Amino acid sequence: MATVINFEERAVAQLRQRLGAAEEANQDLIAFARGHSGAVASIHEAVLAGIEADSIEALFHVVTQEWPLILGIDAVALSLIVGEQGFRADGGGVHPVDPKVLNKAISQVRGVEMRTVERGHPLFGPACDLIRAQALIRIDCEPPLPCGLLVLGQRAELSLDARHGSELLMFLGRSLAAMIRRWLIIPQS
């Protein structure tokens, strides 16, 4: 007597398994797209807030006080070398920084660097002990205008999408550099 093999049940089971995997991949893609869309909207909102600043001091306030809320992060610090002096602006105010130390930090960043860390970059100031994920964004302006680093940090470790995230952060850094140039080139009345 011959044995009949039921190929239909196996084929249906395989199709169900493949359909489940495709649905899971689709949900992952939708979640990524929503997150990326939210990140783009946050970056754009941050840039618009900076553009609306009516002085360089107001711009520093927006960057250090408002950007953490807009971007959903825990710490932002902006460090610049202006002439022969270095300084760091953060939530606690403006602090002097050795320009040699700052030059070394700037030279180690090419565009944008994102990573998880045990301890945040020293440019975060007192908040560095709390930082577990950071982005370092180089701020380049033509001499004699300042150059520096924008540092963004978060307490929670993050899985970072380096390619898309770095493009957005590069846009943020270039926009900030343009805003800084605007306030340092335009005569202030």
N, C-alpha and C. Protein backbone atom coordinates (compact mmCIF):
# COMPACT_ATOMS: atom_id res chain seq x y z
N MET A 1 0.84 -1.17 0.00
CA MET A 1 0.00 0.00 0.00
C MET A 1 0.89 1.24 0.00
N ALA A 2 0.57 2.18 -0.79
CA ALA A 2 1.35 3.40 -0.94
C ALA A 2 0.95 4.43 0.11
N THR A 3 1.96 5.20 0.57
CA THR A 3 1.72 6.27 1.54
C THR A 3 1.52 7.58 0.79
N VAL A 4 0.48 8.32 1.16
CA VAL A 4 0.19 9.60 0.53
C VAL A 4 0.80 10.70 1.41
N ILE A 5 1.63 11.52 0.81
CA ILE A 5 2.26 12.64 1.52
C ILE A 5 1.43 13.89 1.25
N ASN A 6 1.03 14.56 2.30
CA ASN A 6 0.18 15.74 2.17
C ASN A 6 1.06 16.98 2.01
N PHE A 7 1.34 17.33 0.75
CA PHE A 7 2.17 18.51 0.47
C PHE A 7 1.41 19.80 0.74
N GLU A 8 0.11 19.75 0.66
CA GLU A 8 -0.69 20.96 0.85
C GLU A 8 -0.52 21.53 2.26
N GLU A 9 -0.53 20.69 3.29
CA GLU A 9 -0.37 21.16 4.67
C GLU A 9 1.00 21.79 4.88
N ARG A 10 2.04 21.14 4.35
CA ARG A 10 3.40 21.69 4.49
C ARG A 10 3.54 23.01 3.75
N ALA A 11 2.96 23.10 2.57
CA ALA A 11 3.05 24.34 1.78
C ALA A 11 2.31 25.47 2.49
N VAL A 12 1.13 25.18 3.02
CA VAL A 12 0.37 26.20 3.74
C VAL A 12 1.14 26.65 4.98
N ALA A 13 1.74 25.72 5.71
CA ALA A 13 2.52 26.07 6.91
C ALA A 13 3.71 26.96 6.54
N GLN A 14 4.40 26.62 5.45
CA GLN A 14 5.53 27.44 5.01
C GLN A 14 5.06 28.84 4.59
N LEU A 15 3.96 28.91 3.89
CA LEU A 15 3.43 30.21 3.47
C LEU A 15 3.04 31.06 4.68
N ARG A 16 2.43 30.44 5.68
CA ARG A 16 2.08 31.18 6.90
C ARG A 16 3.32 31.71 7.61
N GLN A 17 4.35 30.89 7.66
CA GLN A 17 5.61 31.30 8.30
C GLN A 17 6.23 32.47 7.54
N ARG A 18 6.26 32.39 6.22
CA ARG A 18 6.82 33.47 5.41
C ARG A 18 5.98 34.75 5.52
N LEU A 19 4.67 34.58 5.56
CA LEU A 19 3.79 35.73 5.71
C LEU A 19 4.01 36.42 7.06
N GLY A 20 4.19 35.62 8.12
CA GLY A 20 4.47 36.18 9.45
C GLY A 20 5.77 36.95 9.46
N ALA A 21 6.80 36.40 8.82
CA ALA A 21 8.10 37.09 8.76
C ALA A 21 7.99 38.39 7.96
N ALA A 22 7.23 38.36 6.87
CA ALA A 22 7.05 39.57 6.06
C ALA A 22 6.29 40.64 6.84
N GLU A 23 5.27 40.24 7.58
CA GLU A 23 4.52 41.20 8.39
C GLU A 23 5.39 41.80 9.48
N GLU A 24 6.24 40.98 10.10
CA GLU A 24 7.15 41.49 11.14
C GLU A 24 8.14 42.49 10.54
N ALA A 25 8.69 42.15 9.36
CA ALA A 25 9.62 43.07 8.70
C ALA A 25 8.92 44.36 8.32
N ASN A 26 7.67 44.27 7.88
CA ASN A 26 6.90 45.44 7.52
C ASN A 26 6.67 46.33 8.73
N GLN A 27 6.35 45.74 9.87
CA GLN A 27 6.15 46.51 11.10
C GLN A 27 7.44 47.20 11.54
N ASP A 28 8.58 46.49 11.40
CA ASP A 28 9.87 47.10 11.73
C ASP A 28 10.15 48.30 10.82
N LEU A 29 9.85 48.16 9.54
CA LEU A 29 10.07 49.24 8.59
C LEU A 29 9.18 50.44 8.91
N ILE A 30 7.93 50.19 9.25
CA ILE A 30 7.01 51.27 9.62
C ILE A 30 7.51 51.98 10.88
N ALA A 31 7.96 51.22 11.87
CA ALA A 31 8.47 51.82 13.11
C ALA A 31 9.69 52.68 12.82
N PHE A 32 10.60 52.19 11.96
CA PHE A 32 11.78 52.97 11.60
C PHE A 32 11.37 54.26 10.89
N ALA A 33 10.45 54.16 9.94
CA ALA A 33 10.02 55.34 9.18
C ALA A 33 9.39 56.37 10.10
N ARG A 34 8.57 55.92 11.05
CA ARG A 34 7.96 56.86 11.99
C ARG A 34 9.01 57.52 12.86
N GLY A 35 9.97 56.74 13.34
CA GLY A 35 11.03 57.30 14.16
C GLY A 35 11.89 58.28 13.38
N HIS A 36 12.22 57.93 12.14
CA HIS A 36 13.04 58.81 11.30
C HIS A 36 12.27 60.10 11.00
N SER A 37 10.99 59.97 10.72
CA SER A 37 10.17 61.14 10.45
C SER A 37 10.12 62.05 11.67
N GLY A 38 10.00 61.45 12.86
CA GLY A 38 9.99 62.24 14.09
C GLY A 38 11.32 62.93 14.31
N ALA A 39 12.42 62.25 14.00
CA ALA A 39 13.74 62.85 14.15
C ALA A 39 13.91 64.02 13.20
N VAL A 40 13.46 63.86 11.97
CA VAL A 40 13.55 64.96 11.00
C VAL A 40 12.75 66.16 11.49
N ALA A 41 11.54 65.92 11.96
CA ALA A 41 10.70 67.01 12.45
C ALA A 41 11.36 67.72 13.64
N SER A 42 11.97 66.96 14.55
CA SER A 42 12.64 67.55 15.72
C SER A 42 13.83 68.41 15.30
N ILE A 43 14.63 67.90 14.38
CA ILE A 43 15.80 68.66 13.90
C ILE A 43 15.33 69.95 13.23
N HIS A 44 14.31 69.86 12.41
CA HIS A 44 13.80 71.06 11.74
C HIS A 44 13.26 72.07 12.76
N GLU A 45 12.55 71.59 13.76
CA GLU A 45 12.03 72.48 14.80
C GLU A 45 13.17 73.16 15.57
N ALA A 46 14.24 72.40 15.84
CA ALA A 46 15.40 72.97 16.54
C ALA A 46 16.06 74.06 15.70
N VAL A 47 16.22 73.80 14.41
CA VAL A 47 16.84 74.80 13.53
C VAL A 47 15.97 76.05 13.46
N LEU A 48 14.67 75.87 13.32
CA LEU A 48 13.78 77.04 13.26
C LEU A 48 13.83 77.85 14.55
N ALA A 49 13.91 77.18 15.69
CA ALA A 49 14.02 77.90 16.97
C ALA A 49 15.32 78.71 17.00
N GLY A 50 16.41 78.14 16.50
CA GLY A 50 17.67 78.86 16.45
C GLY A 50 17.63 80.05 15.51
N ILE A 51 16.98 79.89 14.37
CA ILE A 51 16.87 80.98 13.40
C ILE A 51 16.10 82.16 14.00
N GLU A 52 15.14 81.87 14.85
CA GLU A 52 14.32 82.92 15.44
C GLU A 52 15.03 83.70 16.56
N ALA A 53 16.19 83.23 16.99
CA ALA A 53 16.93 83.94 18.04
C ALA A 53 17.29 85.34 17.54
N ASP A 54 17.19 86.33 18.44
CA ASP A 54 17.44 87.70 18.02
C ASP A 54 18.80 88.25 18.44
N SER A 55 19.67 87.37 18.95
CA SER A 55 21.04 87.77 19.27
C SER A 55 21.87 86.49 19.44
N ILE A 56 23.17 86.64 19.50
CA ILE A 56 24.04 85.47 19.71
C ILE A 56 23.78 84.87 21.09
N GLU A 57 23.52 85.72 22.07
CA GLU A 57 23.22 85.22 23.42
C GLU A 57 21.92 84.43 23.42
N ALA A 58 20.92 84.94 22.70
CA ALA A 58 19.65 84.22 22.59
C ALA A 58 19.83 82.89 21.86
N LEU A 59 20.70 82.88 20.85
CA LEU A 59 20.99 81.63 20.14
C LEU A 59 21.60 80.61 21.10
N PHE A 60 22.57 81.03 21.92
CA PHE A 60 23.17 80.11 22.89
C PHE A 60 22.12 79.59 23.87
N HIS A 61 21.20 80.45 24.27
CA HIS A 61 20.11 80.02 25.16
C HIS A 61 19.24 78.96 24.47
N VAL A 62 18.88 79.21 23.23
CA VAL A 62 18.05 78.25 22.49
C VAL A 62 18.77 76.91 22.39
N VAL A 63 20.05 76.94 22.01
CA VAL A 63 20.81 75.70 21.83
C VAL A 63 20.93 74.93 23.15
N THR A 64 21.26 75.61 24.22
CA THR A 64 21.55 74.90 25.48
C THR A 64 20.31 74.64 26.34
N GLN A 65 19.28 75.45 26.19
CA GLN A 65 18.10 75.30 27.04
C GLN A 65 16.89 74.70 26.31
N GLU A 66 16.69 75.10 25.07
CA GLU A 66 15.50 74.65 24.34
C GLU A 66 15.74 73.40 23.51
N TRP A 67 16.92 73.26 22.92
CA TRP A 67 17.18 72.10 22.08
C TRP A 67 17.05 70.78 22.83
N PRO A 68 17.48 70.67 24.10
CA PRO A 68 17.27 69.38 24.78
C PRO A 68 15.79 68.98 24.81
N LEU A 69 14.91 69.93 25.02
CA LEU A 69 13.47 69.63 25.04
C LEU A 69 12.95 69.30 23.65
N ILE A 70 13.35 70.09 22.68
CA ILE A 70 12.89 69.88 21.30
C ILE A 70 13.39 68.54 20.77
N LEU A 71 14.65 68.22 21.03
CA LEU A 71 15.25 67.00 20.47
C LEU A 71 15.01 65.76 21.33
N GLY A 72 14.47 65.97 22.54
CA GLY A 72 14.20 64.83 23.41
C GLY A 72 15.46 64.19 23.96
N ILE A 73 16.44 65.03 24.28
CA ILE A 73 17.71 64.54 24.83
C ILE A 73 17.94 65.19 26.19
N ASP A 74 19.00 64.78 26.88
CA ASP A 74 19.23 65.24 28.24
C ASP A 74 20.24 66.37 28.37
N ALA A 75 21.17 66.50 27.44
CA ALA A 75 22.22 67.52 27.60
C ALA A 75 22.70 68.01 26.24
N VAL A 76 22.94 69.32 26.18
CA VAL A 76 23.53 69.95 25.00
C VAL A 76 24.58 70.93 25.50
N ALA A 77 25.74 70.90 24.87
CA ALA A 77 26.77 71.90 25.16
C ALA A 77 27.39 72.33 23.84
N LEU A 78 27.73 73.59 23.75
CA LEU A 78 28.37 74.15 22.57
C LEU A 78 29.70 74.72 23.00
N SER A 79 30.77 74.23 22.40
CA SER A 79 32.12 74.73 22.70
C SER A 79 32.69 75.37 21.45
N LEU A 80 33.24 76.57 21.61
CA LEU A 80 33.79 77.31 20.48
C LEU A 80 35.15 77.89 20.83
N ILE A 81 35.97 78.01 19.81
CA ILE A 81 37.22 78.76 19.92
C ILE A 81 36.99 80.06 19.16
N VAL A 82 37.11 81.16 19.88
CA VAL A 82 36.92 82.49 19.31
C VAL A 82 38.24 83.22 19.50
N GLY A 83 38.93 83.48 18.40
CA GLY A 83 40.25 84.10 18.50
C GLY A 83 41.19 83.17 19.23
N GLU A 84 41.74 83.62 20.33
CA GLU A 84 42.66 82.82 21.14
C GLU A 84 41.98 82.23 22.38
N GLN A 85 40.67 82.39 22.48
CA GLN A 85 39.96 81.94 23.68
C GLN A 85 39.00 80.80 23.34
N GLY A 86 38.84 79.91 24.32
CA GLY A 86 37.87 78.83 24.18
C GLY A 86 36.81 78.97 25.26
N PHE A 87 35.59 78.59 24.92
CA PHE A 87 34.54 78.59 25.93
C PHE A 87 33.54 77.49 25.63
N ARG A 88 32.77 77.14 26.67
CA ARG A 88 31.72 76.13 26.58
C ARG A 88 30.44 76.72 27.15
N ALA A 89 29.37 76.65 26.36
CA ALA A 89 28.06 77.09 26.83
C ALA A 89 27.21 75.85 27.05
N ASP A 90 26.60 75.77 28.23
CA ASP A 90 25.70 74.66 28.54
C ASP A 90 24.56 75.19 29.41
N GLY A 91 23.77 74.29 29.95
CA GLY A 91 22.63 74.70 30.76
C GLY A 91 23.01 75.52 31.97
N GLY A 92 24.27 75.43 32.42
CA GLY A 92 24.73 76.17 33.59
C GLY A 92 25.37 77.49 33.28
N GLY A 93 25.43 77.89 32.00
CA GLY A 93 26.03 79.16 31.64
C GLY A 93 27.20 78.99 30.68
N VAL A 94 28.07 79.98 30.67
CA VAL A 94 29.24 79.99 29.79
C VAL A 94 30.48 79.84 30.66
N HIS A 95 31.38 78.93 30.25
CA HIS A 95 32.57 78.61 31.03
C HIS A 95 33.80 78.64 30.12
N PRO A 96 34.94 79.10 30.63
CA PRO A 96 36.16 79.08 29.81
C PRO A 96 36.66 77.65 29.63
N VAL A 97 37.27 77.40 28.46
CA VAL A 97 37.88 76.11 28.14
C VAL A 97 39.24 76.41 27.52
N ASP A 98 40.24 75.64 27.89
CA ASP A 98 41.56 75.79 27.29
C ASP A 98 41.44 75.55 25.79
N PRO A 99 41.80 76.55 24.96
CA PRO A 99 41.65 76.38 23.50
C PRO A 99 42.49 75.24 22.94
N LYS A 100 43.60 74.89 23.59
CA LYS A 100 44.40 73.75 23.11
C LYS A 100 43.64 72.44 23.29
N VAL A 101 42.98 72.31 24.43
CA VAL A 101 42.18 71.11 24.69
C VAL A 101 41.02 71.05 23.69
N LEU A 102 40.39 72.17 23.46
CA LEU A 102 39.27 72.21 22.53
C LEU A 102 39.72 71.94 21.10
N ASN A 103 40.87 72.50 20.69
CA ASN A 103 41.41 72.21 19.36
C ASN A 103 41.67 70.73 19.17
N LYS A 104 42.19 70.08 20.20
CA LYS A 104 42.45 68.64 20.11
C LYS A 104 41.15 67.87 19.95
N ALA A 105 40.12 68.24 20.72
CA ALA A 105 38.82 67.57 20.63
C ALA A 105 38.21 67.78 19.24
N ILE A 106 38.30 68.99 18.71
CA ILE A 106 37.75 69.30 17.39
C ILE A 106 38.46 68.48 16.32
N SER A 107 39.77 68.39 16.42
CA SER A 107 40.54 67.68 15.39
C SER A 107 40.23 66.18 15.36
N GLN A 108 39.67 65.64 16.42
CA GLN A 108 39.36 64.20 16.47
C GLN A 108 37.98 63.87 15.89
N VAL A 109 37.20 64.89 15.53
CA VAL A 109 35.86 64.67 15.00
C VAL A 109 35.83 65.09 13.54
N ARG A 110 35.41 64.18 12.70
CA ARG A 110 35.24 64.49 11.28
C ARG A 110 33.74 64.51 10.99
N GLY A 111 33.16 65.68 11.02
CA GLY A 111 31.73 65.80 10.75
C GLY A 111 30.89 65.48 11.97
N VAL A 112 30.47 64.21 12.08
CA VAL A 112 29.60 63.76 13.17
C VAL A 112 30.08 62.41 13.67
N GLU A 113 30.12 62.26 14.98
CA GLU A 113 30.40 60.97 15.61
C GLU A 113 29.30 60.67 16.61
N MET A 114 28.70 59.48 16.48
CA MET A 114 27.68 59.04 17.42
C MET A 114 28.12 57.73 18.03
N ARG A 115 27.93 57.61 19.35
CA ARG A 115 28.31 56.36 20.00
C ARG A 115 27.71 56.27 21.40
N THR A 116 27.65 55.04 21.89
CA THR A 116 27.30 54.83 23.28
C THR A 116 28.60 54.89 24.07
N VAL A 117 28.53 55.35 25.30
CA VAL A 117 29.72 55.57 26.11
C VAL A 117 29.45 55.18 27.56
N GLU A 118 30.52 54.91 28.28
CA GLU A 118 30.42 54.69 29.73
C GLU A 118 30.28 56.02 30.46
N ARG A 119 30.93 57.04 29.89
CA ARG A 119 30.94 58.39 30.46
C ARG A 119 30.98 59.37 29.29
N GLY A 120 30.18 60.43 29.37
CA GLY A 120 30.12 61.40 28.29
C GLY A 120 31.41 62.19 28.12
N HIS A 121 31.52 62.85 26.98
CA HIS A 121 32.68 63.68 26.66
C HIS A 121 32.84 64.77 27.73
N PRO A 122 34.07 65.12 28.09
CA PRO A 122 34.28 66.17 29.10
C PRO A 122 33.63 67.51 28.76
N LEU A 123 33.37 67.77 27.49
CA LEU A 123 32.72 69.03 27.11
C LEU A 123 31.28 69.13 27.61
N PHE A 124 30.71 68.03 28.09
CA PHE A 124 29.39 68.11 28.72
C PHE A 124 29.48 68.77 30.09
N GLY A 125 30.69 68.95 30.62
CA GLY A 125 30.84 69.54 31.94
C GLY A 125 30.37 68.57 33.00
N PRO A 126 29.73 69.06 34.05
CA PRO A 126 29.29 68.19 35.14
C PRO A 126 28.33 67.09 34.70
N ALA A 127 27.63 67.27 33.59
CA ALA A 127 26.67 66.27 33.11
C ALA A 127 27.35 65.05 32.49
N CYS A 128 28.67 65.11 32.26
CA CYS A 128 29.34 64.01 31.55
C CYS A 128 29.19 62.66 32.26
N ASP A 129 29.09 62.65 33.59
CA ASP A 129 28.95 61.39 34.32
C ASP A 129 27.62 60.71 34.04
N LEU A 130 26.61 61.44 33.59
CA LEU A 130 25.28 60.90 33.36
C LEU A 130 25.06 60.41 31.93
N ILE A 131 25.92 60.82 31.01
CA ILE A 131 25.71 60.56 29.59
C ILE A 131 26.11 59.14 29.22
N ARG A 132 25.21 58.44 28.48
CA ARG A 132 25.48 57.07 28.03
C ARG A 132 25.44 56.95 26.50
N ALA A 133 24.89 57.96 25.84
CA ALA A 133 24.90 58.02 24.37
C ALA A 133 25.18 59.47 23.99
N GLN A 134 26.07 59.66 23.03
CA GLN A 134 26.45 61.02 22.67
C GLN A 134 26.65 61.16 21.17
N ALA A 135 26.46 62.39 20.72
CA ALA A 135 26.78 62.77 19.36
C ALA A 135 27.68 64.00 19.44
N LEU A 136 28.79 63.95 18.75
CA LEU A 136 29.72 65.07 18.66
C LEU A 136 29.62 65.60 17.24
N ILE A 137 29.32 66.87 17.11
CA ILE A 137 29.09 67.48 15.80
C ILE A 137 30.06 68.64 15.63
N ARG A 138 30.86 68.55 14.61
CA ARG A 138 31.86 69.59 14.37
C ARG A 138 31.20 70.84 13.80
N ILE A 139 31.57 71.99 14.34
CA ILE A 139 31.08 73.29 13.86
C ILE A 139 32.25 73.97 13.16
N ASP A 140 32.13 74.10 11.85
CA ASP A 140 33.21 74.72 11.07
C ASP A 140 32.76 76.05 10.49
N CYS A 141 33.56 77.05 10.71
CA CYS A 141 33.39 78.36 10.09
C CYS A 141 34.76 78.76 9.56
N GLU A 142 34.76 79.55 8.53
CA GLU A 142 36.03 80.04 7.98
C GLU A 142 36.67 81.04 8.93
N PRO A 143 38.00 80.96 9.13
CA PRO A 143 38.68 81.94 9.98
C PRO A 143 38.44 83.35 9.44
N PRO A 144 38.26 84.30 10.28
CA PRO A 144 38.53 84.35 11.71
C PRO A 144 37.33 83.97 12.57
N LEU A 145 36.27 83.44 11.95
CA LEU A 145 35.09 83.04 12.72
C LEU A 145 35.40 81.79 13.54
N PRO A 146 34.61 81.53 14.58
CA PRO A 146 34.92 80.42 15.49
C PRO A 146 34.67 79.05 14.87
N CYS A 147 35.36 78.06 15.42
CA CYS A 147 35.09 76.66 15.12
C CYS A 147 34.82 75.99 16.46
N GLY A 148 34.22 74.82 16.44
CA GLY A 148 33.94 74.18 17.71
C GLY A 148 33.23 72.87 17.58
N LEU A 149 32.63 72.46 18.69
CA LEU A 149 31.88 71.21 18.76
C LEU A 149 30.53 71.45 19.44
N LEU A 150 29.52 70.86 18.86
CA LEU A 150 28.21 70.77 19.50
C LEU A 150 28.12 69.34 20.02
N VAL A 151 27.86 69.18 21.31
CA VAL A 151 27.74 67.84 21.89
C VAL A 151 26.32 67.63 22.40
N LEU A 152 25.73 66.53 21.97
CA LEU A 152 24.38 66.16 22.37
C LEU A 152 24.48 64.86 23.15
N GLY A 153 23.79 64.78 24.28
CA GLY A 153 23.90 63.57 25.09
C GLY A 153 22.58 63.12 25.68
N GLN A 154 22.55 61.83 25.95
CA GLN A 154 21.37 61.23 26.54
C GLN A 154 21.79 60.24 27.61
N ARG A 155 20.98 60.13 28.65
CA ARG A 155 21.26 59.20 29.75
C ARG A 155 21.07 57.75 29.33
N ALA A 156 20.12 57.50 28.46
CA ALA A 156 19.84 56.12 28.04
C ALA A 156 20.74 55.74 26.88
N GLU A 157 21.19 54.47 26.89
CA GLU A 157 21.94 53.97 25.74
C GLU A 157 20.97 53.86 24.58
N LEU A 158 21.45 54.16 23.41
CA LEU A 158 20.59 54.13 22.22
C LEU A 158 21.21 53.24 21.17
N SER A 159 20.34 52.62 20.38
CA SER A 159 20.82 51.99 19.16
C SER A 159 20.69 53.05 18.09
N LEU A 160 21.79 53.45 17.53
CA LEU A 160 21.81 54.58 16.62
C LEU A 160 21.88 54.11 15.17
N ASP A 161 21.07 54.70 14.31
CA ASP A 161 21.17 54.48 12.88
C ASP A 161 22.18 55.49 12.36
N ALA A 162 23.42 55.05 12.22
CA ALA A 162 24.52 55.98 11.97
C ALA A 162 24.37 56.77 10.68
N ARG A 163 23.93 56.14 9.59
CA ARG A 163 23.91 56.86 8.32
C ARG A 163 22.85 57.95 8.33
N HIS A 164 21.60 57.60 8.64
CA HIS A 164 20.53 58.61 8.61
C HIS A 164 20.68 59.60 9.76
N GLY A 165 21.06 59.12 10.93
CA GLY A 165 21.23 60.01 12.07
C GLY A 165 22.35 61.01 11.84
N SER A 166 23.45 60.57 11.27
CA SER A 166 24.56 61.48 11.06
C SER A 166 24.22 62.53 10.01
N GLU A 167 23.42 62.18 9.01
CA GLU A 167 23.02 63.17 8.01
C GLU A 167 22.17 64.27 8.66
N LEU A 168 21.25 63.87 9.52
CA LEU A 168 20.42 64.85 10.20
C LEU A 168 21.25 65.73 11.13
N LEU A 169 22.16 65.12 11.87
CA LEU A 169 22.99 65.89 12.79
C LEU A 169 23.98 66.78 12.04
N MET A 170 24.44 66.34 10.88
CA MET A 170 25.30 67.20 10.06
C MET A 170 24.51 68.44 9.62
N PHE A 171 23.26 68.25 9.26
CA PHE A 171 22.40 69.38 8.91
C PHE A 171 22.25 70.33 10.10
N LEU A 172 22.03 69.77 11.27
CA LEU A 172 21.90 70.58 12.48
C LEU A 172 23.18 71.39 12.73
N GLY A 173 24.34 70.74 12.62
CA GLY A 173 25.62 71.42 12.84
C GLY A 173 25.89 72.50 11.81
N ARG A 174 25.61 72.21 10.56
CA ARG A 174 25.83 73.22 9.51
C ARG A 174 24.88 74.41 9.67
N SER A 175 23.66 74.11 10.08
CA SER A 175 22.70 75.19 10.32
C SER A 175 23.16 76.07 11.48
N LEU A 176 23.64 75.44 12.55
CA LEU A 176 24.14 76.20 13.70
C LEU A 176 25.34 77.05 13.29
N ALA A 177 26.25 76.50 12.50
CA ALA A 177 27.40 77.28 12.03
C ALA A 177 26.94 78.50 11.24
N ALA A 178 25.92 78.34 10.40
CA ALA A 178 25.40 79.48 9.63
C ALA A 178 24.78 80.52 10.55
N MET A 179 24.09 80.08 11.60
CA MET A 179 23.49 81.03 12.54
C MET A 179 24.58 81.79 13.30
N ILE A 180 25.63 81.09 13.69
CA ILE A 180 26.74 81.75 14.39
C ILE A 180 27.39 82.79 13.48
N ARG A 181 27.63 82.40 12.22
CA ARG A 181 28.21 83.35 11.26
C ARG A 181 27.33 84.57 11.12
N ARG A 182 26.03 84.35 11.08
CA ARG A 182 25.08 85.46 10.93
C ARG A 182 25.26 86.48 12.04
N TRP A 183 25.39 86.02 13.27
CA TRP A 183 25.47 86.95 14.39
C TRP A 183 26.86 87.56 14.55
N LEU A 184 27.87 86.90 14.06
CA LEU A 184 29.21 87.46 14.21
C LEU A 184 29.62 88.32 13.03
N ILE A 185 28.94 88.19 11.89
CA ILE A 185 29.27 89.00 10.72
C ILE A 185 28.39 90.23 10.65
N ILE A 186 27.09 90.08 10.93
CA ILE A 186 26.16 91.21 10.89
C ILE A 186 26.50 92.17 12.03
N PRO A 187 26.66 93.45 11.72
CA PRO A 187 26.91 94.41 12.80
C PRO A 187 25.72 94.42 13.76
N GLN A 188 26.03 94.29 15.03
CA GLN A 188 24.97 94.28 16.05
C GLN A 188 24.71 95.70 16.50
N SER A 189 23.43 96.08 16.48
CA SER A 189 23.08 97.46 16.85
C SER A 189 22.44 97.51 18.21
